[in-house]
Amino acid sequence: MIKYDKFYPALFILLFFISNLTLANQAGLHQYSPEQLTEMTEQWLKSELDITPDSSIELDVTPLDSRIGDKICTDKPVFNRPYNSNGRQFTVNISCSQPGSWQLYLPVKVTEVIAVVTIRQNIATGTVITADMLQIEDKARRFVRGNLVSDPRQIVGARSKRSLNNGQLVTMQDLCLVCRGDVVTILIDNSGLSVSASGIAEQDGTLGDTITVQNQQSGRKIQTEVVAVNQVRVKF
């Protein structure tokens, strides 16, 4: 019988666990593993924050430690988050009061991700931007500054105002869509009538900037707004 000394305690523990689980099921209780509670927290947050599959929001829920074991609850656990906390980082509280009170806490990080244009090679000041120099990458919104470029087509043909490194985020401030001395198309929209003319830019400008352009036909200098690469619109 000596060889069974280690067997019987283990068998007793197993039978005790099965007995408790059976009683819990008979009493209408629900058992949740740490993995299930972590998944339920993530699903609750997606609903709470209205995060859809095509959303720009990413959730990073710290998984519960598996060593805490399964938790028993009469119904579904209750989830809460502080509404006056840092919107990017907070702790979700999971609680249950029946049949025995328990609480758990999960740290969560919320990141807004946006698609931005970056440079895929080192380029020097004054380089004309071509499509093969650009790529689109996802970046955390909190690390992004400046007037962003989300569509590479906006800046193909523009010229760099400073040197840019491989992987660097591109902003409109890094470029002149119209550079001094460039021949540009002047768009004129007035009372539903649209015409165009050519002119010479007297200043550098990026999207939305106001620059002076000299009309090549009349020689008149006019104030215009930069609307695209080598395109300006007359400001009335």
Protein backbone atom coordinates (compact mmCIF):
# COMPACT_ATOMS: atom_id res chain seq x y z
CA MET A 1 0.00 0.00 0.00
CA ILE A 2 2.95 2.32 0.44
CA LYS A 3 3.22 2.95 -3.28
CA TYR A 4 -0.29 4.49 -3.26
CA ASP A 5 0.49 7.08 -0.58
CA LYS A 6 1.01 9.84 -3.17
CA PHE A 7 -1.91 8.75 -5.32
CA TYR A 8 -4.77 9.10 -2.82
CA PRO A 9 -4.24 12.81 -1.94
CA ALA A 10 -4.24 13.73 -5.62
CA LEU A 11 -7.39 11.66 -6.19
CA PHE A 12 -9.07 13.35 -3.22
CA ILE A 13 -8.31 16.83 -4.61
CA LEU A 14 -9.66 15.87 -8.05
CA LEU A 15 -12.89 14.48 -6.58
CA PHE A 16 -13.27 17.58 -4.40
CA PHE A 17 -12.92 19.85 -7.46
CA ILE A 18 -15.44 17.82 -9.49
CA SER A 19 -17.87 17.83 -6.56
CA ASN A 20 -17.65 21.63 -6.17
CA LEU A 21 -18.06 22.17 -9.92
CA THR A 22 -21.16 19.97 -9.95
CA LEU A 23 -22.65 21.86 -6.99
CA ALA A 24 -21.90 25.17 -8.72
CA ASN A 25 -23.67 24.05 -11.89
CA GLN A 26 -26.67 22.80 -9.90
CA ALA A 27 -26.88 26.14 -8.10
CA GLY A 28 -26.96 28.07 -11.40
CA LEU A 29 -23.50 29.50 -10.96
CA HIS A 30 -21.09 30.28 -13.78
CA GLN A 31 -17.39 29.58 -13.85
CA TYR A 32 -14.97 31.91 -15.67
CA SER A 33 -11.32 31.27 -16.42
CA PRO A 34 -8.79 34.15 -16.45
CA GLU A 35 -8.61 33.80 -20.24
CA GLN A 36 -12.39 34.11 -20.56
CA LEU A 37 -12.50 37.15 -18.28
CA THR A 38 -9.75 38.84 -20.30
CA GLU A 39 -11.66 38.18 -23.54
CA MET A 40 -14.93 39.40 -21.99
CA THR A 41 -13.19 42.59 -20.87
CA GLU A 42 -11.96 43.28 -24.39
CA GLN A 43 -15.40 42.65 -25.91
CA TRP A 44 -17.06 44.89 -23.29
CA LEU A 45 -14.59 47.71 -24.02
CA LYS A 46 -15.16 47.46 -27.77
CA SER A 47 -18.87 47.92 -27.18
CA GLU A 48 -18.35 50.64 -24.54
CA LEU A 49 -15.96 52.65 -26.74
CA ASP A 50 -17.83 51.86 -29.98
CA ILE A 51 -14.77 50.23 -31.57
CA THR A 52 -15.60 48.53 -34.87
CA PRO A 53 -13.38 46.23 -37.01
CA ASP A 54 -12.55 49.14 -39.33
CA SER A 55 -11.94 51.57 -36.46
CA SER A 56 -8.66 53.42 -36.06
CA ILE A 57 -8.62 52.52 -32.34
CA GLU A 58 -6.45 49.68 -31.03
CA LEU A 59 -6.91 48.06 -27.61
CA ASP A 60 -4.12 46.52 -25.56
CA VAL A 61 -5.67 44.61 -22.63
CA THR A 62 -3.14 43.12 -20.18
CA PRO A 63 -4.16 39.43 -19.75
CA LEU A 64 -5.10 38.21 -16.29
CA ASP A 65 -2.56 35.94 -14.65
CA SER A 66 -3.67 32.32 -15.10
CA ARG A 67 -2.47 31.56 -11.57
CA ILE A 68 -5.46 33.36 -10.04
CA GLY A 69 -7.61 30.40 -11.07
CA ASP A 70 -11.22 30.28 -12.19
CA LYS A 71 -13.83 32.59 -10.69
CA ILE A 72 -17.44 31.70 -9.79
CA CYS A 73 -20.33 34.13 -10.25
CA THR A 74 -24.12 33.85 -10.07
CA ASP A 75 -24.47 35.81 -13.28
CA LYS A 76 -22.10 37.63 -15.63
CA PRO A 77 -19.38 39.71 -13.93
CA VAL A 78 -19.80 43.49 -13.85
CA PHE A 79 -17.30 45.66 -15.77
CA ASN A 80 -16.49 49.27 -14.94
CA ARG A 81 -13.91 51.84 -16.02
CA PRO A 82 -13.14 55.30 -14.59
CA TYR A 83 -14.66 57.96 -16.84
CA ASN A 84 -12.46 60.79 -15.57
CA SER A 85 -9.14 59.02 -16.18
CA ASN A 86 -6.51 59.40 -18.90
CA GLY A 87 -8.30 58.34 -22.09
CA ARG A 88 -5.24 56.48 -23.36
CA GLN A 89 -4.51 54.40 -20.26
CA PHE A 90 -6.80 53.20 -17.48
CA THR A 91 -7.80 50.15 -15.42
CA VAL A 92 -10.97 48.10 -15.89
CA ASN A 93 -12.59 46.73 -12.73
CA ILE A 94 -14.25 43.29 -12.93
CA SER A 95 -16.44 42.38 -9.97
CA CYS A 96 -19.01 39.90 -8.72
CA SER A 97 -20.95 39.89 -5.41
CA GLN A 98 -22.57 36.46 -5.45
CA PRO A 99 -21.98 33.79 -4.24
CA GLY A 100 -18.80 35.38 -2.83
CA SER A 101 -17.52 38.90 -3.44
CA TRP A 102 -14.41 39.25 -5.63
CA GLN A 103 -12.77 41.93 -7.76
CA LEU A 104 -10.09 41.92 -10.44
CA TYR A 105 -8.27 44.75 -12.26
CA LEU A 106 -6.99 44.83 -15.84
CA PRO A 107 -4.70 47.61 -17.14
CA VAL A 108 -5.72 48.80 -20.61
CA LYS A 109 -4.05 50.98 -23.23
CA VAL A 110 -6.05 52.66 -25.99
CA THR A 111 -4.17 53.78 -29.08
CA GLU A 112 -5.51 55.76 -32.03
CA VAL A 113 -3.72 54.63 -35.19
CA ILE A 114 -3.70 56.63 -38.40
CA ALA A 115 -2.32 55.94 -41.87
CA VAL A 116 0.37 58.43 -42.83
CA VAL A 117 2.90 58.86 -45.63
CA THR A 118 6.56 58.21 -44.83
CA ILE A 119 9.78 58.34 -46.84
CA ARG A 120 11.27 54.99 -47.89
CA GLN A 121 14.76 56.34 -48.64
CA ASN A 122 17.05 59.22 -47.66
CA ILE A 123 16.49 62.30 -49.81
CA ALA A 124 18.33 65.62 -49.98
CA THR A 125 16.97 69.15 -49.80
CA GLY A 126 15.42 70.24 -53.10
CA THR A 127 14.59 66.70 -54.28
CA VAL A 128 11.48 66.33 -56.43
CA ILE A 129 9.25 63.74 -54.77
CA THR A 130 8.29 60.70 -56.84
CA ALA A 131 5.82 57.92 -56.02
CA ASP A 132 8.53 55.30 -55.48
CA MET A 133 9.99 57.39 -52.63
CA LEU A 134 6.79 57.12 -50.58
CA GLN A 135 4.97 54.52 -48.54
CA ILE A 136 1.95 54.42 -46.21
CA GLU A 137 2.41 53.30 -42.61
CA ASP A 138 0.24 53.10 -39.50
CA LYS A 139 1.43 55.34 -36.68
CA ALA A 140 0.12 56.05 -33.19
CA ARG A 141 -1.72 59.38 -33.36
CA ARG A 142 -0.13 60.76 -30.19
CA PHE A 143 3.33 60.59 -31.78
CA VAL A 144 2.32 62.45 -34.93
CA ARG A 145 2.69 66.21 -35.26
CA GLY A 146 2.23 68.73 -38.05
CA ASN A 147 0.07 68.95 -41.16
CA LEU A 148 -0.09 65.28 -42.09
CA VAL A 149 -0.05 63.72 -45.53
CA SER A 150 -2.39 60.73 -45.87
CA ASP A 151 -2.41 60.35 -49.67
CA PRO A 152 0.91 60.07 -51.56
CA ARG A 153 -0.73 61.50 -54.67
CA GLN A 154 -1.05 64.86 -52.88
CA ILE A 155 2.71 65.40 -52.88
CA VAL A 156 4.10 63.61 -55.95
CA GLY A 157 5.93 66.33 -57.87
CA ALA A 158 6.48 68.50 -54.78
CA ARG A 159 10.00 69.46 -53.70
CA SER A 160 11.59 68.81 -50.31
CA LYS A 161 12.49 71.91 -48.28
CA ARG A 162 14.88 69.93 -46.07
CA SER A 163 16.64 66.57 -46.06
CA LEU A 164 14.42 63.63 -45.07
CA ASN A 165 15.52 60.25 -43.70
CA ASN A 166 14.32 56.75 -44.52
CA GLY A 167 11.16 56.00 -42.50
CA GLN A 168 10.55 59.65 -41.59
CA LEU A 169 7.00 60.92 -41.42
CA VAL A 170 6.22 63.47 -44.15
CA THR A 171 4.33 66.66 -43.33
CA MET A 172 3.29 69.51 -45.59
CA GLN A 173 5.78 71.72 -43.74
CA ASP A 174 8.59 69.58 -45.18
CA LEU A 175 7.62 70.40 -48.78
CA CYS A 176 6.85 73.17 -51.16
CA LEU A 177 4.01 72.16 -53.46
CA VAL A 178 4.78 75.38 -55.30
CA CYS A 179 8.34 76.67 -55.21
CA ARG A 180 9.58 80.15 -56.05
CA GLY A 181 10.19 80.46 -59.80
CA ASP A 182 7.93 77.52 -60.72
CA VAL A 183 5.50 77.86 -63.59
CA VAL A 184 2.07 77.23 -62.08
CA THR A 185 -1.51 76.89 -63.25
CA ILE A 186 -3.73 79.67 -61.93
CA LEU A 187 -7.33 78.55 -61.39
CA ILE A 188 -9.99 81.26 -61.45
CA ASP A 189 -13.51 80.47 -60.20
CA ASN A 190 -15.92 83.39 -60.26
CA SER A 191 -19.73 83.32 -60.40
CA GLY A 192 -19.75 79.76 -61.69
CA LEU A 193 -17.23 80.53 -64.43
CA SER A 194 -13.97 78.59 -64.29
CA VAL A 195 -10.90 79.53 -66.32
CA SER A 196 -7.18 78.97 -65.96
CA ALA A 197 -3.98 80.81 -66.78
CA SER A 198 -0.27 80.32 -66.24
CA GLY A 199 1.95 82.27 -63.90
CA ILE A 200 5.28 82.41 -62.11
CA ALA A 201 5.36 81.78 -58.35
CA GLU A 202 7.18 84.47 -56.41
CA GLN A 203 7.19 82.54 -53.15
CA ASP A 204 7.39 79.00 -51.84
CA GLY A 205 4.09 77.59 -50.65
CA THR A 206 2.53 74.39 -49.32
CA LEU A 207 -1.11 73.33 -49.24
CA GLY A 208 -3.37 76.19 -48.10
CA ASP A 209 -0.64 78.85 -48.13
CA THR A 210 -1.25 82.27 -49.64
CA ILE A 211 1.46 83.24 -52.14
CA THR A 212 2.02 85.91 -54.78
CA VAL A 213 1.97 84.78 -58.42
CA GLN A 214 2.67 86.86 -61.51
CA ASN A 215 0.32 86.23 -64.43
CA GLN A 216 2.49 85.44 -67.46
CA GLN A 217 0.08 87.08 -69.93
CA SER A 218 -0.80 90.31 -68.14
CA GLY A 219 2.24 90.64 -65.90
CA ARG A 220 -0.12 91.40 -63.03
CA LYS A 221 0.78 90.12 -59.57
CA ILE A 222 -2.09 88.43 -57.75
CA GLN A 223 -2.70 86.74 -54.40
CA THR A 224 -3.43 83.05 -54.68
CA GLU A 225 -3.94 79.98 -52.51
CA VAL A 226 -1.90 76.81 -53.07
CA VAL A 227 -4.35 73.97 -53.79
CA ALA A 228 -2.11 71.24 -55.27
CA VAL A 229 1.34 70.64 -56.75
CA ASN A 230 2.00 73.57 -59.14
CA GLN A 231 -1.61 74.72 -58.87
CA VAL A 232 -3.00 77.84 -57.22
CA ARG A 233 -6.43 79.43 -56.98
CA VAL A 234 -7.10 83.17 -57.15
CA LYS A 235 -8.34 84.58 -53.85
CA PHE A 236 -11.19 87.08 -54.30
